[in-house]
């Protein structure tokens, strides 16, 4: 679960179009960094769910995501002719889906992590 911490700020300062472009830039960055078999879904406006379709330990995933996000990606935002670089700021948490027996349990687990 990856939370894009600046989406609301970008939207408030630069508008909805800029926030949508910021989100797409973040998604493109993450997709390039994930394994080709992994899936990325949008859970809400600022939360993405990465589903890893391979068997790896939680510590290996944590190291991989930390390494990926250390690249400090940025997105160029433009408003009224002025351009500003905005960091694609994120936080993340792991939720091993193997612990759930139903989709409903998994959705409840995701919601609990967001609170």
PDB file of N, CA and C in Angstrom:
ATOM      1  N   UNK A   1       0.854  -1.155   0.000  1.00  0.00           N
ATOM      2  CA  UNK A   1       0.000   0.000   0.000  1.00  0.00           C
ATOM      3  C   UNK A   1       0.907   1.226   0.000  1.00  0.00           C
ATOM      4  N   UNK A   2       0.735   2.093  -0.993  1.00  0.00           N
ATOM      5  CA  UNK A   2       1.577   3.269  -1.149  1.00  0.00           C
ATOM      6  C   UNK A   2       0.700   4.514  -1.108  1.00  0.00           C
ATOM      7  N   UNK A   3       0.987   5.398  -0.167  1.00  0.00           N
ATOM      8  CA  UNK A   3       0.223   6.642  -0.048  1.00  0.00           C
ATOM      9  C   UNK A   3       1.051   7.778  -0.639  1.00  0.00           C
ATOM     10  N   UNK A   4       0.454   8.487  -1.589  1.00  0.00           N
ATOM     11  CA  UNK A   4       1.093   9.656  -2.195  1.00  0.00           C
ATOM     12  C   UNK A   4       0.706  10.859  -1.348  1.00  0.00           C
ATOM     13  N   UNK A   5       1.642  11.330  -0.552  1.00  0.00           N
ATOM     14  CA  UNK A   5       1.329  12.317   0.484  1.00  0.00           C
ATOM     15  C   UNK A   5       1.110  13.734  -0.020  1.00  0.00           C
ATOM     16  N   UNK A   6       1.450  14.022  -1.271  1.00  0.00           N
ATOM     17  CA  UNK A   6       1.344  15.400  -1.760  1.00  0.00           C
ATOM     18  C   UNK A   6       0.191  15.637  -2.736  1.00  0.00           C
ATOM     19  N   UNK A   7      -0.613  14.633  -3.053  1.00  0.00           N
ATOM     20  CA  UNK A   7      -1.671  14.795  -4.054  1.00  0.00           C
ATOM     21  C   UNK A   7      -2.623  15.925  -3.674  1.00  0.00           C
ATOM     22  N   UNK A   8      -3.095  15.943  -2.432  1.00  0.00           N
ATOM     23  CA  UNK A   8      -4.051  16.983  -2.012  1.00  0.00           C
ATOM     24  C   UNK A   8      -3.405  18.364  -2.034  1.00  0.00           C
ATOM     25  N   UNK A   9      -2.158  18.453  -1.638  1.00  0.00           N
ATOM     26  CA  UNK A   9      -1.455  19.736  -1.649  1.00  0.00           C
ATOM     27  C   UNK A   9      -1.302  20.255  -3.080  1.00  0.00           C
ATOM     28  N   UNK A  10      -0.909  19.370  -3.990  1.00  0.00           N
ATOM     29  CA  UNK A  10      -0.766  19.771  -5.394  1.00  0.00           C
ATOM     30  C   UNK A  10      -2.113  20.233  -5.945  1.00  0.00           C
ATOM     31  N   UNK A  11      -3.172  19.506  -5.606  1.00  0.00           N
ATOM     32  CA  UNK A  11      -4.502  19.887  -6.094  1.00  0.00           C
ATOM     33  C   UNK A  11      -4.933  21.248  -5.548  1.00  0.00           C
ATOM     34  N   UNK A  12      -4.699  21.481  -4.261  1.00  0.00           N
ATOM     35  CA  UNK A  12      -5.085  22.765  -3.652  1.00  0.00           C
ATOM     36  C   UNK A  12      -4.300  23.933  -4.237  1.00  0.00           C
ATOM     37  N   UNK A  13      -3.009  23.731  -4.474  1.00  0.00           N
ATOM     38  CA  UNK A  13      -2.158  24.826  -4.967  1.00  0.00           C
ATOM     39  C   UNK A  13      -2.215  25.027  -6.469  1.00  0.00           C
ATOM     40  N   UNK A  14      -2.317  23.922  -7.227  1.00  0.00           N
ATOM     41  CA  UNK A  14      -2.164  24.016  -8.673  1.00  0.00           C
ATOM     42  C   UNK A  14      -3.384  23.564  -9.471  1.00  0.00           C
ATOM     43  N   UNK A  15      -4.362  22.979  -8.804  1.00  0.00           N
ATOM     44  CA  UNK A  15      -5.584  22.578  -9.490  1.00  0.00           C
ATOM     45  C   UNK A  15      -5.688  21.084  -9.749  1.00  0.00           C
ATOM     46  N   UNK A  16      -6.881  20.683 -10.163  1.00  0.00           N
ATOM     47  CA  UNK A  16      -7.195  19.268 -10.357  1.00  0.00           C
ATOM     48  C   UNK A  16      -6.382  18.646 -11.491  1.00  0.00           C
ATOM     49  N   UNK A  17      -6.195  19.386 -12.575  1.00  0.00           N
ATOM     50  CA  UNK A  17      -5.433  18.855 -13.708  1.00  0.00           C
ATOM     51  C   UNK A  17      -3.985  18.569 -13.292  1.00  0.00           C
ATOM     52  N   UNK A  18      -3.387  19.486 -12.569  1.00  0.00           N
ATOM     53  CA  UNK A  18      -2.012  19.292 -12.099  1.00  0.00           C
ATOM     54  C   UNK A  18      -1.917  18.090 -11.163  1.00  0.00           C
ATOM     55  N   UNK A  19      -2.917  17.906 -10.307  1.00  0.00           N
ATOM     56  CA  UNK A  19      -2.921  16.761  -9.388  1.00  0.00           C
ATOM     57  C   UNK A  19      -3.037  15.448 -10.161  1.00  0.00           C
ATOM     58  N   UNK A  20      -3.860  15.429 -11.200  1.00  0.00           N
ATOM     59  CA  UNK A  20      -4.006  14.223 -12.026  1.00  0.00           C
ATOM     60  C   UNK A  20      -2.689  13.908 -12.746  1.00  0.00           C
ATOM     61  N   UNK A  21      -2.010  14.933 -13.257  1.00  0.00           N
ATOM     62  CA  UNK A  21      -0.719  14.731 -13.916  1.00  0.00           C
ATOM     63  C   UNK A  21       0.338  14.261 -12.914  1.00  0.00           C
ATOM     64  N   UNK A  22       0.293  14.822 -11.716  1.00  0.00           N
ATOM     65  CA  UNK A  22       1.208  14.415 -10.641  1.00  0.00           C
ATOM     66  C   UNK A  22       1.000  12.931 -10.317  1.00  0.00           C
ATOM     67  N   UNK A  23      -0.253  12.527 -10.196  1.00  0.00           N
ATOM     68  CA  UNK A  23      -0.588  11.134  -9.905  1.00  0.00           C
ATOM     69  C   UNK A  23      -0.069  10.220 -11.012  1.00  0.00           C
ATOM     70  N   UNK A  24      -0.278  10.614 -12.272  1.00  0.00           N
ATOM     71  CA  UNK A  24       0.187   9.790 -13.388  1.00  0.00           C
ATOM     72  C   UNK A  24       1.718   9.688 -13.394  1.00  0.00           C
ATOM     73  N   UNK A  25       2.382  10.764 -13.066  1.00  0.00           N
ATOM     74  CA  UNK A  25       3.833  10.755 -12.995  1.00  0.00           C
ATOM     75  C   UNK A  25       4.309   9.780 -11.911  1.00  0.00           C
ATOM     76  N   UNK A  26       3.647   9.791 -10.772  1.00  0.00           N
ATOM     77  CA  UNK A  26       3.982   8.865  -9.684  1.00  0.00           C
ATOM     78  C   UNK A  26       3.745   7.425 -10.109  1.00  0.00           C
ATOM     79  N   UNK A  27       2.628   7.170 -10.765  1.00  0.00           N
ATOM     80  CA  UNK A  27       2.306   5.810 -11.221  1.00  0.00           C
ATOM     81  C   UNK A  27       3.358   5.333 -12.227  1.00  0.00           C
ATOM     82  N   UNK A  28       3.717   6.176 -13.177  1.00  0.00           N
ATOM     83  CA  UNK A  28       4.729   5.795 -14.167  1.00  0.00           C
ATOM     84  C   UNK A  28       6.059   5.474 -13.492  1.00  0.00           C
ATOM     85  N   UNK A  29       6.436   6.283 -12.516  1.00  0.00           N
ATOM     86  CA  UNK A  29       7.677   6.039 -11.773  1.00  0.00           C
ATOM     87  C   UNK A  29       7.615   4.684 -11.064  1.00  0.00           C
ATOM     88  N   UNK A  30       6.515   4.419 -10.392  1.00  0.00           N
ATOM     89  CA  UNK A  30       6.387   3.165  -9.642  1.00  0.00           C
ATOM     90  C   UNK A  30       6.346   1.957 -10.569  1.00  0.00           C
ATOM     91  N   UNK A  31       5.615   2.052 -11.666  1.00  0.00           N
ATOM     92  CA  UNK A  31       5.518   0.931 -12.604  1.00  0.00           C
ATOM     93  C   UNK A  31       6.900   0.584 -13.164  1.00  0.00           C
ATOM     94  N   UNK A  32       7.705   1.596 -13.469  1.00  0.00           N
ATOM     95  CA  UNK A  32       9.058   1.334 -13.976  1.00  0.00           C
ATOM     96  C   UNK A  32       9.916   0.628 -12.932  1.00  0.00           C
ATOM     97  N   UNK A  33       9.675   0.901 -11.656  1.00  0.00           N
ATOM     98  CA  UNK A  33      10.493   0.333 -10.596  1.00  0.00           C
ATOM     99  C   UNK A  33      10.027  -1.014 -10.089  1.00  0.00           C
ATOM    100  N   UNK A  34       8.782  -1.368 -10.362  1.00  0.00           N
ATOM    101  CA  UNK A  34       8.265  -2.653  -9.891  1.00  0.00           C
ATOM    102  C   UNK A  34       8.634  -3.771 -10.859  1.00  0.00           C
ATOM    103  N   UNK A  35       8.563  -4.986 -10.375  1.00  0.00           N
ATOM    104  CA  UNK A  35       8.798  -6.164 -11.193  1.00  0.00           C
ATOM    105  C   UNK A  35       7.700  -6.241 -12.268  1.00  0.00           C
ATOM    106  N   UNK A  36       8.028  -6.695 -13.482  1.00  0.00           N
ATOM    107  CA  UNK A  36       7.026  -6.745 -14.558  1.00  0.00           C
ATOM    108  C   UNK A  36       5.766  -7.552 -14.228  1.00  0.00           C
ATOM    109  N   UNK A  37       5.871  -8.519 -13.328  1.00  0.00           N
ATOM    110  CA  UNK A  37       4.697  -9.328 -12.968  1.00  0.00           C
ATOM    111  C   UNK A  37       3.825  -8.670 -11.896  1.00  0.00           C
ATOM    112  N   UNK A  38       4.315  -7.615 -11.263  1.00  0.00           N
ATOM    113  CA  UNK A  38       3.552  -6.947 -10.204  1.00  0.00           C
ATOM    114  C   UNK A  38       2.422  -6.117 -10.812  1.00  0.00           C
ATOM    115  N   UNK A  39       1.384  -5.906 -10.030  1.00  0.00           N
ATOM    116  CA  UNK A  39       0.237  -5.111 -10.467  1.00  0.00           C
ATOM    117  C   UNK A  39       0.113  -3.879  -9.580  1.00  0.00           C
ATOM    118  N   UNK A  40      -0.366  -2.779 -10.142  1.00  0.00           N
ATOM    119  CA  UNK A  40      -0.551  -1.546  -9.385  1.00  0.00           C
ATOM    120  C   UNK A  40      -1.971  -1.058  -9.613  1.00  0.00           C
ATOM    121  N   UNK A  41      -2.698  -0.834  -8.520  1.00  0.00           N
ATOM    122  CA  UNK A  41      -4.084  -0.381  -8.583  1.00  0.00           C
ATOM    123  C   UNK A  41      -4.245   0.913  -7.803  1.00  0.00           C
ATOM    124  N   UNK A  42      -5.172   1.721  -8.230  1.00  0.00           N
ATOM    125  CA  UNK A  42      -5.497   2.930  -7.464  1.00  0.00           C
ATOM    126  C   UNK A  42      -6.638   2.577  -6.519  1.00  0.00           C
ATOM    127  N   UNK A  43      -6.391   2.753  -5.208  1.00  0.00           N
ATOM    128  CA  UNK A  43      -7.384   2.457  -4.178  1.00  0.00           C
ATOM    129  C   UNK A  43      -8.264   3.684  -3.930  1.00  0.00           C
ATOM    130  N   UNK A  44      -7.631   4.839  -3.841  1.00  0.00           N
ATOM    131  CA  UNK A  44      -8.351   6.103  -3.660  1.00  0.00           C
ATOM    132  C   UNK A  44      -7.560   7.180  -4.384  1.00  0.00           C
ATOM    133  N   UNK A  45      -7.943   8.409  -4.219  1.00  0.00           N
ATOM    134  CA  UNK A  45      -7.256   9.504  -4.923  1.00  0.00           C
ATOM    135  C   UNK A  45      -5.746   9.482  -4.680  1.00  0.00           C
ATOM    136  N   UNK A  46      -5.328   9.161  -3.462  1.00  0.00           N
ATOM    137  CA  UNK A  46      -3.909   9.249  -3.125  1.00  0.00           C
ATOM    138  C   UNK A  46      -3.298   7.951  -2.596  1.00  0.00           C
ATOM    139  N   UNK A  47      -4.008   6.840  -2.740  1.00  0.00           N
ATOM    140  CA  UNK A  47      -3.484   5.558  -2.256  1.00  0.00           C
ATOM    141  C   UNK A  47      -3.464   4.551  -3.404  1.00  0.00           C
ATOM    142  N   UNK A  48      -2.302   3.930  -3.564  1.00  0.00           N
ATOM    143  CA  UNK A  48      -2.118   2.899  -4.573  1.00  0.00           C
ATOM    144  C   UNK A  48      -1.835   1.571  -3.871  1.00  0.00           C
ATOM    145  N   UNK A  49      -2.299   0.507  -4.478  1.00  0.00           N
ATOM    146  CA  UNK A  49      -2.049  -0.833  -3.957  1.00  0.00           C
ATOM    147  C   UNK A  49      -1.178  -1.559  -4.978  1.00  0.00           C
ATOM    148  N   UNK A  50      -0.027  -2.019  -4.545  1.00  0.00           N
ATOM    149  CA  UNK A  50       0.846  -2.833  -5.393  1.00  0.00           C
ATOM    150  C   UNK A  50       0.653  -4.284  -4.975  1.00  0.00           C
ATOM    151  N   UNK A  51       0.281  -5.112  -5.923  1.00  0.00           N
ATOM    152  CA  UNK A  51       0.111  -6.542  -5.663  1.00  0.00           C
ATOM    153  C   UNK A  51       1.299  -7.254  -6.300  1.00  0.00           C
ATOM    154  N   UNK A  52       2.118  -7.848  -5.443  1.00  0.00           N
ATOM    155  CA  UNK A  52       3.293  -8.560  -5.919  1.00  0.00           C
ATOM    156  C   UNK A  52       2.901  -9.996  -6.219  1.00  0.00           C
ATOM    157  N   UNK A  53       3.082 -10.400  -7.436  1.00  0.00           N
ATOM    158  CA  UNK A  53       2.647 -11.726  -7.872  1.00  0.00           C
ATOM    159  C   UNK A  53       3.786 -12.728  -7.823  1.00  0.00           C
ATOM    160  N   UNK A  54       4.678 -12.531  -6.876  1.00  0.00           N
ATOM    161  CA  UNK A  54       5.815 -13.433  -6.710  1.00  0.00           C
ATOM    162  C   UNK A  54       6.013 -13.684  -5.225  1.00  0.00           C
ATOM    163  N   UNK A  55       6.651 -14.763  -4.919  1.00  0.00           N
ATOM    164  CA  UNK A  55       6.888 -15.118  -3.521  1.00  0.00           C
ATOM    165  C   UNK A  55       8.183 -14.467  -3.034  1.00  0.00           C
ATOM    166  N   UNK A  56       8.048 -13.464  -2.183  1.00  0.00           N
ATOM    167  CA  UNK A  56       9.206 -12.815  -1.568  1.00  0.00           C
ATOM    168  C   UNK A  56       8.862 -12.517  -0.116  1.00  0.00           C
ATOM    169  N   UNK A  57       9.879 -12.403   0.692  1.00  0.00           N
ATOM    170  CA  UNK A  57       9.643 -12.119   2.113  1.00  0.00           C
ATOM    171  C   UNK A  57       9.250 -10.655   2.297  1.00  0.00           C
ATOM    172  N   UNK A  58       8.604 -10.376   3.410  1.00  0.00           N
ATOM    173  CA  UNK A  58       8.217  -8.998   3.733  1.00  0.00           C
ATOM    174  C   UNK A  58       9.441  -8.098   3.840  1.00  0.00           C
ATOM    175  N   UNK A  59      10.520  -8.606   4.403  1.00  0.00           N
ATOM    176  CA  UNK A  59      11.720  -7.771   4.538  1.00  0.00           C
ATOM    177  C   UNK A  59      12.326  -7.457   3.172  1.00  0.00           C
ATOM    178  N   UNK A  60      12.279  -8.403   2.251  1.00  0.00           N
ATOM    179  CA  UNK A  60      12.790  -8.153   0.892  1.00  0.00           C
ATOM    180  C   UNK A  60      11.932  -7.110   0.184  1.00  0.00           C
ATOM    181  N   UNK A  61      10.623  -7.184   0.363  1.00  0.00           N
ATOM    182  CA  UNK A  61       9.719  -6.197  -0.243  1.00  0.00           C
ATOM    183  C   UNK A  61       9.984  -4.821   0.360  1.00  0.00           C
ATOM    184  N   UNK A  62      10.108  -4.763   1.673  1.00  0.00           N
ATOM    185  CA  UNK A  62      10.367  -3.483   2.345  1.00  0.00           C
ATOM    186  C   UNK A  62      11.669  -2.854   1.821  1.00  0.00           C
ATOM    187  N   UNK A  63      12.711  -3.661   1.661  1.00  0.00           N
ATOM    188  CA  UNK A  63      13.978  -3.144   1.139  1.00  0.00           C
ATOM    189  C   UNK A  63      13.829  -2.678  -0.312  1.00  0.00           C
ATOM    190  N   UNK A  64      13.094  -3.444  -1.112  1.00  0.00           N
ATOM    191  CA  UNK A  64      12.906  -3.098  -2.522  1.00  0.00           C
ATOM    192  C   UNK A  64      12.141  -1.787  -2.675  1.00  0.00           C
ATOM    193  N   UNK A  65      11.058  -1.634  -1.936  1.00  0.00           N
ATOM    194  CA  UNK A  65      10.257  -0.415  -2.035  1.00  0.00           C
ATOM    195  C   UNK A  65      11.024   0.783  -1.480  1.00  0.00           C
ATOM    196  N   UNK A  66      11.732   0.595  -0.380  1.00  0.00           N
ATOM    197  CA  UNK A  66      12.544   1.670   0.189  1.00  0.00           C
ATOM    198  C   UNK A  66      13.595   2.131  -0.827  1.00  0.00           C
ATOM    199  N   UNK A  67      14.261   1.182  -1.457  1.00  0.00           N
ATOM    200  CA  UNK A  67      15.266   1.514  -2.478  1.00  0.00           C
ATOM    201  C   UNK A  67      14.626   2.281  -3.629  1.00  0.00           C
ATOM    202  N   UNK A  68      13.483   1.824  -4.085  1.00  0.00           N
ATOM    203  CA  UNK A  68      12.782   2.479  -5.186  1.00  0.00           C
ATOM    204  C   UNK A  68      12.426   3.925  -4.838  1.00  0.00           C
ATOM    205  N   UNK A  69      11.886   4.129  -3.641  1.00  0.00           N
ATOM    206  CA  UNK A  69      11.426   5.461  -3.251  1.00  0.00           C
ATOM    207  C   UNK A  69      12.571   6.389  -2.864  1.00  0.00           C
ATOM    208  N   UNK A  70      13.765   5.851  -2.639  1.00  0.00           N
ATOM    209  CA  UNK A  70      14.919   6.687  -2.314  1.00  0.00           C
ATOM    210  C   UNK A  70      15.406   7.489  -3.521  1.00  0.00           C
ATOM    211  N   UNK A  71      14.947   7.142  -4.707  1.00  0.00           N
ATOM    212  CA  UNK A  71      15.353   7.856  -5.919  1.00  0.00           C
ATOM    213  C   UNK A  71      14.827   9.287  -5.962  1.00  0.00           C
ATOM    214  N   UNK A  72      13.985   9.655  -5.007  1.00  0.00           N
ATOM    215  CA  UNK A  72      13.437  11.011  -4.897  1.00  0.00           C
ATOM    216  C   UNK A  72      12.845  11.511  -6.215  1.00  0.00           C
ATOM    217  N   UNK A  73      11.842  10.821  -6.712  1.00  0.00           N
ATOM    218  CA  UNK A  73      11.238  11.270  -7.969  1.00  0.00           C
ATOM    219  C   UNK A  73      10.570  12.632  -7.804  1.00  0.00           C
ATOM    220  N   UNK A  74      10.511  13.377  -8.904  1.00  0.00           N
ATOM    221  CA  UNK A  74       9.857  14.680  -8.881  1.00  0.00           C
ATOM    222  C   UNK A  74       8.956  14.823 -10.097  1.00  0.00           C
ATOM    223  N   UNK A  75       8.033  15.759 -10.002  1.00  0.00           N
ATOM    224  CA  UNK A  75       7.113  16.041 -11.101  1.00  0.00           C
ATOM    225  C   UNK A  75       7.088  17.547 -11.331  1.00  0.00           C
ATOM    226  N   UNK A  76       7.128  17.951 -12.591  1.00  0.00           N
ATOM    227  CA  UNK A  76       7.084  19.362 -12.950  1.00  0.00           C
ATOM    228  C   UNK A  76       5.630  19.806 -13.053  1.00  0.00           C
ATOM    229  N   UNK A  77       5.243  20.770 -12.210  1.00  0.00           N
ATOM    230  CA  UNK A  77       3.879  21.301 -12.195  1.00  0.00           C
ATOM    231  C   UNK A  77       3.913  22.703 -12.803  1.00  0.00           C
ATOM    232  N   UNK A  78       2.926  22.983 -13.641  1.00  0.00           N
ATOM    233  CA  UNK A  78       2.869  24.303 -14.261  1.00  0.00           C
ATOM    234  C   UNK A  78       1.518  24.953 -13.984  1.00  0.00           C
ATOM    235  N   UNK A  79       1.564  26.227 -13.582  1.00  0.00           N
ATOM    236  CA  UNK A  79       0.339  26.991 -13.346  1.00  0.00           C
ATOM    237  C   UNK A  79       0.623  28.438 -13.716  1.00  0.00           C
ATOM    238  N   UNK A  80      -0.232  28.988 -14.561  1.00  0.00           N
ATOM    239  CA  UNK A  80      -0.115  30.381 -14.992  1.00  0.00           C
ATOM    240  C   UNK A  80       1.290  30.699 -15.519  1.00  0.00           C
ATOM    241  N   UNK A  81       1.841  29.752 -16.286  1.00  0.00           N
ATOM    242  CA  UNK A  81       3.139  29.978 -16.885  1.00  0.00           C
ATOM    243  C   UNK A  81       4.328  29.743 -15.977  1.00  0.00           C
ATOM    244  N   UNK A  82       4.091  29.482 -14.709  1.00  0.00           N
ATOM    245  CA  UNK A  82       5.191  29.227 -13.774  1.00  0.00           C
ATOM    246  C   UNK A  82       5.323  27.729 -13.551  1.00  0.00           C
ATOM    247  N   UNK A  83       6.576  27.275 -13.564  1.00  0.00           N
ATOM    248  CA  UNK A  83       6.850  25.849 -13.388  1.00  0.00           C
ATOM    249  C   UNK A  83       7.532  25.612 -12.049  1.00  0.00           C
ATOM    250  N   UNK A  84       7.106  24.551 -11.385  1.00  0.00           N
ATOM    251  CA  UNK A  84       7.650  24.190 -10.083  1.00  0.00           C
ATOM    252  C   UNK A  84       7.872  22.686 -10.033  1.00  0.00           C
ATOM    253  N   UNK A  85       9.015  22.268  -9.507  1.00  0.00           N
ATOM    254  CA  UNK A  85       9.272  20.848  -9.298  1.00  0.00           C
ATOM    255  C   UNK A  85       8.700  20.456  -7.934  1.00  0.00           C
ATOM    256  N   UNK A  86       7.887  19.419  -7.930  1.00  0.00           N
ATOM    257  CA  UNK A  86       7.264  18.941  -6.697  1.00  0.00           C
ATOM    258  C   UNK A  86       7.711  17.498  -6.475  1.00  0.00           C
ATOM    259  N   UNK A  87       8.201  17.223  -5.286  1.00  0.00           N
ATOM    260  CA  UNK A  87       8.631  15.859  -4.956  1.00  0.00           C
ATOM    261  C   UNK A  87       7.436  14.920  -4.944  1.00  0.00           C
ATOM    262  N   UNK A  88       7.643  13.723  -5.475  1.00  0.00           N
ATOM    263  CA  UNK A  88       6.618  12.691  -5.380  1.00  0.00           C
ATOM    264  C   UNK A  88       6.868  12.004  -4.042  1.00  0.00           C
ATOM    265  N   UNK A  89       6.206  12.520  -3.037  1.00  0.00           N
ATOM    266  CA  UNK A  89       6.414  12.095  -1.663  1.00  0.00           C
ATOM    267  C   UNK A  89       5.458  10.952  -1.322  1.00  0.00           C
ATOM    268  N   UNK A  90       6.001   9.921  -0.687  1.00  0.00           N
ATOM    269  CA  UNK A  90       5.191   8.734  -0.394  1.00  0.00           C
ATOM    270  C   UNK A  90       5.482   8.185   0.997  1.00  0.00           C
ATOM    271  N   UNK A  91       4.525   7.426   1.465  1.00  0.00           N
ATOM    272  CA  UNK A  91       4.739   6.535   2.597  1.00  0.00           C
ATOM    273  C   UNK A  91       4.208   5.180   2.146  1.00  0.00           C
ATOM    274  N   UNK A  92       4.626   4.114   2.783  1.00  0.00           N
ATOM    275  CA  UNK A  92       4.102   2.814   2.385  1.00  0.00           C
ATOM    276  C   UNK A  92       4.005   1.889   3.588  1.00  0.00           C
ATOM    277  N   UNK A  93       3.166   0.888   3.413  1.00  0.00           N
ATOM    278  CA  UNK A  93       3.011  -0.144   4.429  1.00  0.00           C
ATOM    279  C   UNK A  93       2.788  -1.467   3.709  1.00  0.00           C
ATOM    280  N   UNK A  94       3.144  -2.556   4.347  1.00  0.00           N
ATOM    281  CA  UNK A  94       2.973  -3.880   3.758  1.00  0.00           C
ATOM    282  C   UNK A  94       1.779  -4.576   4.393  1.00  0.00           C
ATOM    283  N   UNK A  95       1.051  -5.297   3.559  1.00  0.00           N
ATOM    284  CA  UNK A  95      -0.076  -6.077   4.038  1.00  0.00           C
ATOM    285  C   UNK A  95      -0.089  -7.393   3.263  1.00  0.00           C
ATOM    286  N   UNK A  96       0.558  -8.436   3.808  1.00  0.00           N
ATOM    287  CA  UNK A  96       0.609  -9.719   3.089  1.00  0.00           C
ATOM    288  C   UNK A  96      -0.796 -10.289   2.886  1.00  0.00           C
ATOM    289  N   UNK A  97      -1.185 -10.427   1.628  1.00  0.00           N
ATOM    290  CA  UNK A  97      -2.552 -10.867   1.328  1.00  0.00           C
ATOM    291  C   UNK A  97      -2.771 -12.340   1.644  1.00  0.00           C
ATOM    292  N   UNK A  98      -1.720 -13.117   1.800  1.00  0.00           N
ATOM    293  CA  UNK A  98      -1.871 -14.540   2.099  1.00  0.00           C
ATOM    294  C   UNK A  98      -2.558 -14.773   3.445  1.00  0.00           C
ATOM    295  N   UNK A  99      -2.561 -13.766   4.307  1.00  0.00           N
ATOM    296  CA  UNK A  99      -3.193 -13.920   5.620  1.00  0.00           C
ATOM    297  C   UNK A  99      -4.713 -13.845   5.550  1.00  0.00           C
ATOM    298  N   UNK A 100      -5.267 -13.490   4.402  1.00  0.00           N
ATOM    299  CA  UNK A 100      -6.716 -13.348   4.263  1.00  0.00           C
ATOM    300  C   UNK A 100      -7.289 -14.505   3.455  1.00  0.00           C
ATOM    301  N   UNK A 101      -8.453 -14.967   3.884  1.00  0.00           N
ATOM    302  CA  UNK A 101      -9.079 -16.076   3.164  1.00  0.00           C
ATOM    303  C   UNK A 101     -10.138 -15.594   2.178  1.00  0.00           C
ATOM    304  N   UNK A 102     -10.608 -14.360   2.342  1.00  0.00           N
ATOM    305  CA  UNK A 102     -11.610 -13.831   1.409  1.00  0.00           C
ATOM    306  C   UNK A 102     -11.225 -12.421   0.976  1.00  0.00           C
ATOM    307  N   UNK A 103     -11.803 -12.000  -0.126  1.00  0.00           N
ATOM    308  CA  UNK A 103     -11.577 -10.643  -0.617  1.00  0.00           C
ATOM    309  C   UNK A 103     -12.117  -9.616   0.383  1.00  0.00           C
ATOM    310  N   UNK A 104     -13.224  -9.931   1.010  1.00  0.00           N
ATOM    311  CA  UNK A 104     -13.813  -9.019   2.001  1.00  0.00           C
ATOM    312  C   UNK A 104     -12.859  -8.788   3.183  1.00  0.00           C
ATOM    313  N   UNK A 105     -12.227  -9.852   3.665  1.00  0.00           N
ATOM    314  CA  UNK A 105     -11.247  -9.714   4.750  1.00  0.00           C
ATOM    315  C   UNK A 105     -10.079  -8.834   4.317  1.00  0.00           C
ATOM    316  N   UNK A 106      -9.629  -9.028   3.072  1.00  0.00           N
ATOM    317  CA  UNK A 106      -8.506  -8.244   2.569  1.00  0.00           C
ATOM    318  C   UNK A 106      -8.891  -6.754   2.486  1.00  0.00           C
ATOM    319  N   UNK A 107     -10.081  -6.457   1.988  1.00  0.00           N
ATOM    320  CA  UNK A 107     -10.546  -5.062   1.889  1.00  0.00           C
ATOM    321  C   UNK A 107     -10.631  -4.435   3.268  1.00  0.00           C
ATOM    322  N   UNK A 108     -11.104  -5.167   4.253  1.00  0.00           N
ATOM    323  CA  UNK A 108     -11.175  -4.670   5.618  1.00  0.00           C
ATOM    324  C   UNK A 108      -9.765  -4.402   6.147  1.00  0.00           C
ATOM    325  N   UNK A 109      -8.821  -5.269   5.819  1.00  0.00           N
ATOM    326  CA  UNK A 109      -7.428  -5.076   6.234  1.00  0.00           C
ATOM    327  C   UNK A 109      -6.835  -3.826   5.616  1.00  0.00           C
ATOM    328  N   UNK A 110      -7.117  -3.559   4.340  1.00  0.00           N
ATOM    329  CA  UNK A 110      -6.632  -2.349   3.682  1.00  0.00           C
ATOM    330  C   UNK A 110      -7.227  -1.116   4.339  1.00  0.00           C
ATOM    331  N   UNK A 111      -8.514  -1.151   4.592  1.00  0.00           N
ATOM    332  CA  UNK A 111      -9.173   0.005   5.210  1.00  0.00           C
ATOM    333  C   UNK A 111      -8.585   0.294   6.595  1.00  0.00           C
ATOM    334  N   UNK A 112      -8.314  -0.763   7.351  1.00  0.00           N
ATOM    335  CA  UNK A 112      -7.751  -0.590   8.693  1.00  0.00           C
ATOM    336  C   UNK A 112      -6.369   0.061   8.626  1.00  0.00           C
ATOM    337  N   UNK A 113      -5.578  -0.263   7.620  1.00  0.00           N
ATOM    338  CA  UNK A 113      -4.246   0.332   7.463  1.00  0.00           C
ATOM    339  C   UNK A 113      -4.317   1.823   7.138  1.00  0.00           C
ATOM    340  N   UNK A 114      -5.409   2.231   6.512  1.00  0.00           N
ATOM    341  CA  UNK A 114      -5.546   3.641   6.112  1.00  0.00           C
ATOM    342  C   UNK A 114      -5.960   4.546   7.254  1.00  0.00           C
ATOM    343  N   UNK A 115      -6.458   3.973   8.332  1.00  0.00           N
ATOM    344  CA  UNK A 115      -6.940   4.804   9.455  1.00  0.00           C
ATOM    345  C   UNK A 115      -5.789   5.264  10.300  1.00  0.00           C
TER     346      UNK A 115
END
